[in-house]
Amino acid sequence: MEEEIINRVAQSKLVTFDLEDYYPKGERKTLDIKDWLYEGIILREKEFRDHVEAHDWTLYQDAYVALHCSTDAIVPGWAFMLVSSKLAPFAKKVVVGSPEDLETALYQTILENLDVSDFVDKPVIIKGCSHKPVPANAYIMAMTKIQQVAKSVMYGEACSSVPLYKRK
């Protein structure tokens, strides 16, 4: 006589938290201002402003934008501010930095407003594998937020998780 296989994971109170479920929909774009600098390294105000005025800002409609300079130029803060003022009517969000910096900023907003009431006094597993570009910082922010209320926090999959935190 064969015994019935019981899925103990499905019967447990374990809650899975998947950061991919919170991944903001929308196009990501980068804007490198190096081509607007003299020889890619010197910002000449008049020429820079001319490039800013001539640029087609509609290309960033409803996009998330990472604004940066890929050369070792010293860019004054006002330059990024000027560019962001032109992006503001079109882009959903603008950050100065890399695409990963952009993803981190997006997740920071989401995780700061995350309702963690479903995790109170429960074992939580933060799902580890992702197909979307979830930044490492998002995992840290999720851990910090969930740890405040959860009984325990693990990382990975239910079949092979790594324990990270257990309330005493």
N, C-alpha and C. Protein backbone atom coordinates (compact mmCIF):
# COMPACT_ATOMS: atom_id res chain seq x y z
N MET A 1 0.84 -1.18 0.00
CA MET A 1 0.00 0.00 0.00
C MET A 1 0.89 1.25 0.00
N GLU A 2 0.63 2.17 -0.93
CA GLU A 2 1.41 3.39 -1.02
C GLU A 2 0.84 4.46 -0.11
N GLU A 3 1.76 5.19 0.54
CA GLU A 3 1.32 6.30 1.40
C GLU A 3 1.18 7.56 0.56
N GLU A 4 0.22 8.37 0.93
CA GLU A 4 -0.01 9.62 0.23
C GLU A 4 1.14 10.58 0.53
N ILE A 5 1.61 11.27 -0.51
CA ILE A 5 2.67 12.26 -0.34
C ILE A 5 2.02 13.55 0.12
N ILE A 6 2.55 14.07 1.21
CA ILE A 6 1.99 15.29 1.79
C ILE A 6 2.96 16.44 1.54
N ASN A 7 2.46 17.53 1.00
CA ASN A 7 3.26 18.71 0.75
C ASN A 7 3.23 19.57 2.02
N ARG A 8 4.25 19.40 2.84
CA ARG A 8 4.29 20.14 4.11
C ARG A 8 4.53 21.63 3.90
N VAL A 9 5.22 21.99 2.82
CA VAL A 9 5.46 23.41 2.53
C VAL A 9 4.13 24.11 2.27
N ALA A 10 3.27 23.47 1.47
CA ALA A 10 1.97 24.07 1.15
C ALA A 10 1.09 24.19 2.39
N GLN A 11 1.28 23.31 3.35
CA GLN A 11 0.46 23.33 4.57
C GLN A 11 1.03 24.26 5.65
N SER A 12 2.24 24.71 5.47
CA SER A 12 2.86 25.54 6.50
C SER A 12 2.34 26.97 6.43
N LYS A 13 2.69 27.75 7.44
CA LYS A 13 2.31 29.17 7.48
C LYS A 13 3.33 30.04 6.76
N LEU A 14 4.28 29.40 6.10
CA LEU A 14 5.34 30.09 5.39
C LEU A 14 4.77 31.03 4.33
N VAL A 15 5.22 32.28 4.35
CA VAL A 15 4.78 33.28 3.39
C VAL A 15 5.96 33.59 2.46
N THR A 16 5.73 33.55 1.17
CA THR A 16 6.77 33.87 0.21
C THR A 16 6.62 35.31 -0.26
N PHE A 17 7.72 36.03 -0.22
CA PHE A 17 7.75 37.42 -0.69
C PHE A 17 8.65 37.48 -1.91
N ASP A 18 8.08 37.85 -3.04
CA ASP A 18 8.82 37.89 -4.30
C ASP A 18 8.94 39.34 -4.77
N LEU A 19 10.15 39.86 -4.77
CA LEU A 19 10.37 41.24 -5.19
C LEU A 19 9.97 41.49 -6.64
N GLU A 20 10.00 40.46 -7.47
CA GLU A 20 9.57 40.61 -8.86
C GLU A 20 8.11 41.02 -8.96
N ASP A 21 7.32 40.61 -7.99
CA ASP A 21 5.89 40.98 -8.00
C ASP A 21 5.70 42.49 -7.87
N TYR A 22 6.70 43.18 -7.39
CA TYR A 22 6.63 44.63 -7.16
C TYR A 22 7.41 45.42 -8.20
N TYR A 23 7.96 44.73 -9.18
CA TYR A 23 8.77 45.40 -10.20
C TYR A 23 7.91 46.39 -10.97
N PRO A 24 8.28 47.67 -10.96
CA PRO A 24 7.46 48.68 -11.64
C PRO A 24 7.47 48.50 -13.16
N LYS A 25 6.31 48.47 -13.74
CA LYS A 25 6.21 48.36 -15.19
C LYS A 25 6.58 49.71 -15.81
N GLY A 26 7.23 49.64 -16.94
CA GLY A 26 7.61 50.85 -17.65
C GLY A 26 8.98 50.73 -18.26
N GLU A 27 9.20 51.50 -19.29
CA GLU A 27 10.46 51.46 -20.00
C GLU A 27 11.54 52.17 -19.19
N ARG A 28 12.73 51.60 -19.22
CA ARG A 28 13.90 52.20 -18.58
C ARG A 28 14.79 52.77 -19.67
N LYS A 29 15.27 53.98 -19.44
CA LYS A 29 16.18 54.60 -20.40
C LYS A 29 17.33 55.24 -19.64
N THR A 30 18.46 55.34 -20.33
CA THR A 30 19.60 56.07 -19.78
C THR A 30 19.88 57.27 -20.68
N LEU A 31 20.33 58.32 -20.06
CA LEU A 31 20.71 59.52 -20.80
C LEU A 31 22.12 59.90 -20.37
N ASP A 32 23.05 59.72 -21.29
CA ASP A 32 24.46 60.01 -21.05
C ASP A 32 24.76 61.40 -21.62
N ILE A 33 25.18 62.32 -20.77
CA ILE A 33 25.41 63.69 -21.23
C ILE A 33 26.82 63.92 -21.77
N LYS A 34 27.63 62.90 -21.87
CA LYS A 34 29.02 63.08 -22.32
C LYS A 34 29.11 63.73 -23.70
N ASP A 35 28.16 63.43 -24.58
CA ASP A 35 28.20 64.00 -25.92
C ASP A 35 27.84 65.48 -25.93
N TRP A 36 27.37 65.97 -24.82
CA TRP A 36 27.02 67.39 -24.72
C TRP A 36 28.17 68.20 -24.11
N LEU A 37 29.27 67.54 -23.85
CA LEU A 37 30.45 68.19 -23.26
C LEU A 37 31.53 68.34 -24.32
N TYR A 38 32.28 69.41 -24.22
CA TYR A 38 33.40 69.62 -25.13
C TYR A 38 34.43 68.52 -24.92
N GLU A 39 34.74 67.80 -26.01
CA GLU A 39 35.65 66.65 -25.97
C GLU A 39 35.24 65.62 -24.92
N GLY A 40 33.98 65.64 -24.56
CA GLY A 40 33.45 64.66 -23.63
C GLY A 40 33.80 64.89 -22.17
N ILE A 41 34.56 65.95 -21.89
CA ILE A 41 34.99 66.15 -20.50
C ILE A 41 34.83 67.56 -19.94
N ILE A 42 34.62 68.53 -20.81
CA ILE A 42 34.53 69.91 -20.33
C ILE A 42 33.14 70.46 -20.59
N LEU A 43 32.50 70.94 -19.55
CA LEU A 43 31.18 71.52 -19.71
C LEU A 43 31.33 73.01 -20.00
N ARG A 44 30.92 73.37 -21.19
CA ARG A 44 30.85 74.79 -21.57
C ARG A 44 29.38 75.15 -21.51
N GLU A 45 29.07 76.08 -20.65
CA GLU A 45 27.66 76.34 -20.34
C GLU A 45 26.80 76.63 -21.56
N LYS A 46 27.22 77.53 -22.42
CA LYS A 46 26.39 77.90 -23.57
C LYS A 46 26.15 76.69 -24.48
N GLU A 47 27.21 75.96 -24.80
CA GLU A 47 27.07 74.78 -25.67
C GLU A 47 26.20 73.72 -25.01
N PHE A 48 26.38 73.53 -23.73
CA PHE A 48 25.59 72.55 -23.00
C PHE A 48 24.11 72.92 -23.04
N ARG A 49 23.82 74.18 -22.77
CA ARG A 49 22.43 74.64 -22.81
C ARG A 49 21.83 74.50 -24.21
N ASP A 50 22.64 74.73 -25.24
CA ASP A 50 22.16 74.56 -26.61
C ASP A 50 21.76 73.10 -26.87
N HIS A 51 22.58 72.17 -26.40
CA HIS A 51 22.25 70.74 -26.55
C HIS A 51 20.96 70.40 -25.79
N VAL A 52 20.84 70.92 -24.60
CA VAL A 52 19.65 70.66 -23.79
C VAL A 52 18.41 71.17 -24.51
N GLU A 53 18.48 72.37 -25.06
CA GLU A 53 17.33 72.95 -25.75
C GLU A 53 16.99 72.20 -27.03
N ALA A 54 17.99 71.69 -27.71
CA ALA A 54 17.77 71.01 -29.00
C ALA A 54 17.31 69.55 -28.85
N HIS A 55 17.45 68.99 -27.67
CA HIS A 55 17.15 67.57 -27.47
C HIS A 55 15.64 67.31 -27.52
N ASP A 56 15.26 66.15 -28.05
CA ASP A 56 13.85 65.74 -28.11
C ASP A 56 13.48 65.02 -26.81
N TRP A 57 12.87 65.73 -25.90
CA TRP A 57 12.54 65.18 -24.59
C TRP A 57 11.36 64.23 -24.63
N THR A 58 10.60 64.25 -25.70
CA THR A 58 9.44 63.34 -25.81
C THR A 58 9.89 61.88 -25.90
N LEU A 59 11.16 61.65 -26.19
CA LEU A 59 11.68 60.27 -26.23
C LEU A 59 11.58 59.58 -24.88
N TYR A 60 11.39 60.35 -23.82
CA TYR A 60 11.37 59.82 -22.46
C TYR A 60 9.96 59.78 -21.87
N GLN A 61 8.96 59.90 -22.72
CA GLN A 61 7.58 59.90 -22.27
C GLN A 61 7.29 58.62 -21.49
N ASP A 62 6.83 58.78 -20.24
CA ASP A 62 6.43 57.67 -19.36
C ASP A 62 7.55 56.66 -19.09
N ALA A 63 8.79 57.09 -19.21
CA ALA A 63 9.93 56.20 -18.95
C ALA A 63 10.56 56.53 -17.60
N TYR A 64 11.32 55.57 -17.10
CA TYR A 64 12.16 55.78 -15.93
C TYR A 64 13.56 56.06 -16.48
N VAL A 65 14.19 57.14 -16.01
CA VAL A 65 15.43 57.59 -16.64
C VAL A 65 16.59 57.63 -15.64
N ALA A 66 17.70 57.01 -16.05
CA ALA A 66 18.96 57.10 -15.30
C ALA A 66 19.84 58.10 -16.06
N LEU A 67 20.13 59.18 -15.42
CA LEU A 67 20.89 60.29 -16.00
C LEU A 67 22.34 60.17 -15.51
N HIS A 68 23.29 60.19 -16.45
CA HIS A 68 24.69 60.04 -16.03
C HIS A 68 25.64 60.62 -17.06
N CYS A 69 26.91 60.63 -16.70
CA CYS A 69 27.99 61.02 -17.60
C CYS A 69 29.02 59.89 -17.56
N SER A 70 29.25 59.25 -18.69
CA SER A 70 30.12 58.07 -18.72
C SER A 70 31.61 58.39 -18.81
N THR A 71 31.96 59.68 -18.86
CA THR A 71 33.38 60.04 -18.84
C THR A 71 33.75 60.53 -17.44
N ASP A 72 35.01 60.81 -17.26
CA ASP A 72 35.49 61.28 -15.95
C ASP A 72 35.35 62.79 -15.79
N ALA A 73 34.42 63.38 -16.52
CA ALA A 73 34.21 64.82 -16.46
C ALA A 73 33.70 65.23 -15.08
N ILE A 74 34.08 66.41 -14.68
CA ILE A 74 33.53 67.00 -13.46
C ILE A 74 32.31 67.79 -13.90
N VAL A 75 31.13 67.29 -13.53
CA VAL A 75 29.88 67.91 -13.96
C VAL A 75 29.28 68.64 -12.78
N PRO A 76 29.06 69.93 -12.91
CA PRO A 76 28.44 70.67 -11.80
C PRO A 76 27.00 70.20 -11.58
N GLY A 77 26.57 70.27 -10.36
CA GLY A 77 25.23 69.81 -10.00
C GLY A 77 24.12 70.46 -10.79
N TRP A 78 24.28 71.72 -11.14
CA TRP A 78 23.23 72.41 -11.87
C TRP A 78 22.97 71.79 -13.23
N ALA A 79 23.99 71.14 -13.82
CA ALA A 79 23.82 70.55 -15.15
C ALA A 79 22.80 69.41 -15.11
N PHE A 80 22.94 68.54 -14.12
CA PHE A 80 21.97 67.46 -13.97
C PHE A 80 20.60 68.01 -13.60
N MET A 81 20.58 69.07 -12.82
CA MET A 81 19.31 69.71 -12.45
C MET A 81 18.61 70.29 -13.68
N LEU A 82 19.40 70.92 -14.54
CA LEU A 82 18.83 71.49 -15.76
C LEU A 82 18.23 70.40 -16.64
N VAL A 83 18.96 69.32 -16.83
CA VAL A 83 18.46 68.21 -17.64
C VAL A 83 17.21 67.60 -17.01
N SER A 84 17.23 67.42 -15.70
CA SER A 84 16.05 66.83 -15.05
C SER A 84 14.84 67.75 -15.14
N SER A 85 15.06 69.06 -15.20
CA SER A 85 13.92 69.98 -15.35
C SER A 85 13.25 69.80 -16.70
N LYS A 86 14.01 69.42 -17.70
CA LYS A 86 13.45 69.16 -19.04
C LYS A 86 12.79 67.78 -19.10
N LEU A 87 13.32 66.84 -18.33
CA LEU A 87 12.75 65.49 -18.30
C LEU A 87 11.46 65.41 -17.49
N ALA A 88 11.33 66.27 -16.49
CA ALA A 88 10.21 66.20 -15.54
C ALA A 88 8.83 66.11 -16.18
N PRO A 89 8.53 66.87 -17.23
CA PRO A 89 7.19 66.76 -17.80
C PRO A 89 6.91 65.44 -18.53
N PHE A 90 7.96 64.66 -18.80
CA PHE A 90 7.81 63.45 -19.60
C PHE A 90 8.09 62.16 -18.82
N ALA A 91 9.16 62.13 -18.07
CA ALA A 91 9.60 60.90 -17.40
C ALA A 91 8.80 60.65 -16.12
N LYS A 92 8.65 59.37 -15.79
CA LYS A 92 7.98 58.99 -14.53
C LYS A 92 8.90 59.26 -13.35
N LYS A 93 10.20 59.01 -13.54
CA LYS A 93 11.17 59.23 -12.47
C LYS A 93 12.54 59.42 -13.11
N VAL A 94 13.33 60.30 -12.50
CA VAL A 94 14.68 60.58 -12.98
C VAL A 94 15.63 60.48 -11.80
N VAL A 95 16.74 59.76 -11.99
CA VAL A 95 17.78 59.72 -10.98
C VAL A 95 19.13 59.96 -11.66
N VAL A 96 20.08 60.48 -10.92
CA VAL A 96 21.44 60.59 -11.42
C VAL A 96 22.14 59.32 -10.98
N GLY A 97 22.62 58.56 -11.96
CA GLY A 97 23.31 57.32 -11.63
C GLY A 97 23.10 56.27 -12.70
N SER A 98 23.43 55.06 -12.32
CA SER A 98 23.38 53.91 -13.22
C SER A 98 21.96 53.34 -13.30
N PRO A 99 21.73 52.43 -14.23
CA PRO A 99 20.44 51.74 -14.26
C PRO A 99 20.14 51.02 -12.93
N GLU A 100 21.16 50.50 -12.27
CA GLU A 100 20.94 49.85 -10.98
C GLU A 100 20.54 50.88 -9.92
N ASP A 101 21.12 52.06 -9.97
CA ASP A 101 20.71 53.14 -9.07
C ASP A 101 19.24 53.49 -9.28
N LEU A 102 18.83 53.49 -10.53
CA LEU A 102 17.43 53.77 -10.86
C LEU A 102 16.53 52.71 -10.26
N GLU A 103 16.87 51.44 -10.46
CA GLU A 103 16.05 50.35 -9.91
C GLU A 103 16.00 50.42 -8.39
N THR A 104 17.11 50.75 -7.77
CA THR A 104 17.15 50.89 -6.31
C THR A 104 16.21 51.99 -5.85
N ALA A 105 16.23 53.13 -6.55
CA ALA A 105 15.34 54.24 -6.18
C ALA A 105 13.88 53.84 -6.34
N LEU A 106 13.57 53.10 -7.39
CA LEU A 106 12.18 52.67 -7.60
C LEU A 106 11.74 51.72 -6.48
N TYR A 107 12.58 50.76 -6.15
CA TYR A 107 12.23 49.82 -5.08
C TYR A 107 12.19 50.50 -3.71
N GLN A 108 13.01 51.50 -3.50
CA GLN A 108 13.00 52.18 -2.21
C GLN A 108 11.62 52.78 -1.95
N THR A 109 11.07 53.43 -2.94
CA THR A 109 9.73 54.02 -2.80
C THR A 109 8.70 52.94 -2.53
N ILE A 110 8.77 51.86 -3.28
CA ILE A 110 7.80 50.77 -3.13
C ILE A 110 7.90 50.13 -1.75
N LEU A 111 9.12 49.83 -1.32
CA LEU A 111 9.30 49.13 -0.06
C LEU A 111 9.05 50.01 1.16
N GLU A 112 9.29 51.30 1.03
CA GLU A 112 8.96 52.21 2.14
C GLU A 112 7.45 52.21 2.41
N ASN A 113 6.66 51.99 1.36
CA ASN A 113 5.20 52.01 1.49
C ASN A 113 4.59 50.62 1.56
N LEU A 114 5.42 49.59 1.68
CA LEU A 114 4.95 48.21 1.71
C LEU A 114 4.14 47.92 2.98
N ASP A 115 2.98 47.34 2.80
CA ASP A 115 2.16 46.90 3.93
C ASP A 115 2.67 45.53 4.37
N VAL A 116 3.25 45.46 5.55
CA VAL A 116 3.83 44.20 6.03
C VAL A 116 2.91 43.46 7.00
N SER A 117 1.66 43.87 7.07
CA SER A 117 0.73 43.24 8.03
C SER A 117 0.53 41.75 7.75
N ASP A 118 0.69 41.30 6.50
CA ASP A 118 0.55 39.87 6.19
C ASP A 118 1.71 39.04 6.72
N PHE A 119 2.80 39.69 7.14
CA PHE A 119 3.99 38.97 7.59
C PHE A 119 4.12 38.92 9.12
N VAL A 120 3.19 39.52 9.83
CA VAL A 120 3.28 39.60 11.29
C VAL A 120 3.28 38.20 11.90
N ASP A 121 4.33 37.93 12.68
CA ASP A 121 4.50 36.67 13.42
C ASP A 121 4.48 35.43 12.53
N LYS A 122 4.92 35.56 11.29
CA LYS A 122 4.95 34.42 10.37
C LYS A 122 6.37 34.21 9.87
N PRO A 123 6.67 32.97 9.47
CA PRO A 123 7.95 32.73 8.81
C PRO A 123 7.83 33.22 7.35
N VAL A 124 8.80 34.02 6.93
CA VAL A 124 8.77 34.60 5.59
C VAL A 124 10.01 34.18 4.83
N ILE A 125 9.80 33.84 3.58
CA ILE A 125 10.93 33.54 2.71
C ILE A 125 10.96 34.59 1.60
N ILE A 126 12.08 35.26 1.49
CA ILE A 126 12.27 36.24 0.42
C ILE A 126 12.83 35.47 -0.76
N LYS A 127 12.03 35.40 -1.82
CA LYS A 127 12.40 34.61 -2.98
C LYS A 127 13.67 35.16 -3.60
N GLY A 128 14.59 34.28 -3.94
CA GLY A 128 15.89 34.71 -4.40
C GLY A 128 16.08 34.82 -5.89
N CYS A 129 15.55 33.91 -6.66
CA CYS A 129 15.78 33.94 -8.11
C CYS A 129 14.85 34.94 -8.77
N SER A 130 15.40 35.73 -9.68
CA SER A 130 14.56 36.68 -10.38
C SER A 130 14.98 36.76 -11.85
N HIS A 131 14.01 37.05 -12.68
CA HIS A 131 14.26 37.20 -14.11
C HIS A 131 14.31 38.67 -14.50
N LYS A 132 13.92 39.51 -13.58
CA LYS A 132 13.93 40.95 -13.81
C LYS A 132 15.12 41.53 -13.05
N PRO A 133 15.58 42.72 -13.43
CA PRO A 133 16.76 43.30 -12.78
C PRO A 133 16.47 43.89 -11.40
N VAL A 134 16.23 43.00 -10.45
CA VAL A 134 16.00 43.43 -9.07
C VAL A 134 17.36 43.70 -8.44
N PRO A 135 17.62 44.93 -7.99
CA PRO A 135 18.94 45.25 -7.44
C PRO A 135 19.17 44.63 -6.06
N ALA A 136 20.42 44.41 -5.75
CA ALA A 136 20.78 43.83 -4.45
C ALA A 136 20.24 44.67 -3.29
N ASN A 137 20.24 45.98 -3.45
CA ASN A 137 19.73 46.85 -2.40
C ASN A 137 18.26 46.60 -2.09
N ALA A 138 17.49 46.18 -3.07
CA ALA A 138 16.07 45.90 -2.84
C ALA A 138 15.91 44.74 -1.86
N TYR A 139 16.79 43.75 -1.94
CA TYR A 139 16.73 42.63 -1.00
C TYR A 139 17.05 43.09 0.42
N ILE A 140 18.02 43.99 0.53
CA ILE A 140 18.39 44.53 1.84
C ILE A 140 17.22 45.33 2.43
N MET A 141 16.60 46.17 1.60
CA MET A 141 15.47 46.97 2.07
C MET A 141 14.29 46.09 2.46
N ALA A 142 14.03 45.04 1.68
CA ALA A 142 12.93 44.12 2.00
C ALA A 142 13.22 43.39 3.31
N MET A 143 14.44 42.94 3.48
CA MET A 143 14.83 42.26 4.71
C MET A 143 14.61 43.16 5.92
N THR A 144 15.07 44.38 5.83
CA THR A 144 14.95 45.34 6.93
C THR A 144 13.49 45.58 7.29
N LYS A 145 12.65 45.72 6.30
CA LYS A 145 11.23 46.02 6.53
C LYS A 145 10.50 44.80 7.09
N ILE A 146 10.71 43.63 6.50
CA ILE A 146 9.99 42.43 6.90
C ILE A 146 10.46 41.92 8.26
N GLN A 147 11.75 42.05 8.54
CA GLN A 147 12.33 41.58 9.80
C GLN A 147 11.66 42.22 11.01
N GLN A 148 11.16 43.43 10.86
CA GLN A 148 10.54 44.14 11.97
C GLN A 148 9.29 43.44 12.51
N VAL A 149 8.63 42.64 11.66
CA VAL A 149 7.36 42.04 12.08
C VAL A 149 7.33 40.52 12.00
N ALA A 150 8.19 39.93 11.20
CA ALA A 150 8.14 38.48 10.95
C ALA A 150 8.71 37.68 12.11
N LYS A 151 8.25 36.44 12.19
CA LYS A 151 8.78 35.50 13.18
C LYS A 151 10.18 35.06 12.76
N SER A 152 10.33 34.82 11.46
CA SER A 152 11.64 34.48 10.89
C SER A 152 11.68 34.90 9.44
N VAL A 153 12.91 35.06 8.94
CA VAL A 153 13.09 35.44 7.54
C VAL A 153 14.16 34.53 6.95
N MET A 154 13.84 34.00 5.77
CA MET A 154 14.76 33.14 5.04
C MET A 154 14.92 33.69 3.63
N TYR A 155 15.91 33.19 2.92
CA TYR A 155 16.17 33.62 1.55
C TYR A 155 16.26 32.39 0.66
N GLY A 156 15.68 32.48 -0.53
CA GLY A 156 15.79 31.40 -1.50
C GLY A 156 14.43 30.87 -1.90
N GLU A 157 14.34 29.55 -1.93
CA GLU A 157 13.11 28.83 -2.26
C GLU A 157 12.75 27.96 -1.07
N ALA A 158 11.49 27.58 -0.97
CA ALA A 158 11.04 26.79 0.17
C ALA A 158 11.82 25.48 0.29
N CYS A 159 12.25 24.92 -0.84
CA CYS A 159 12.97 23.65 -0.81
C CYS A 159 14.44 23.80 -0.45
N SER A 160 14.97 25.00 -0.55
CA SER A 160 16.39 25.21 -0.27
C SER A 160 16.64 26.64 0.21
N SER A 161 16.13 26.94 1.36
CA SER A 161 16.24 28.30 1.87
C SER A 161 17.42 28.45 2.82
N VAL A 162 17.87 29.68 2.95
CA VAL A 162 18.96 30.02 3.87
C VAL A 162 18.34 30.86 4.99
N PRO A 163 18.43 30.38 6.25
CA PRO A 163 17.88 31.19 7.35
C PRO A 163 18.71 32.46 7.56
N LEU A 164 18.00 33.59 7.73
CA LEU A 164 18.68 34.86 7.91
C LEU A 164 18.39 35.49 9.27
N TYR A 165 17.17 35.30 9.76
CA TYR A 165 16.75 35.98 10.97
C TYR A 165 15.70 35.13 11.67
N LYS A 166 15.79 35.06 13.00
CA LYS A 166 14.75 34.41 13.80
C LYS A 166 14.59 35.20 15.06
N ARG A 167 13.35 35.64 15.30
CA ARG A 167 13.07 36.43 16.49
C ARG A 167 13.29 35.57 17.73
N LYS A 168 13.87 36.16 18.76
CA LYS A 168 14.14 35.42 20.00
C LYS A 168 12.96 35.48 20.93
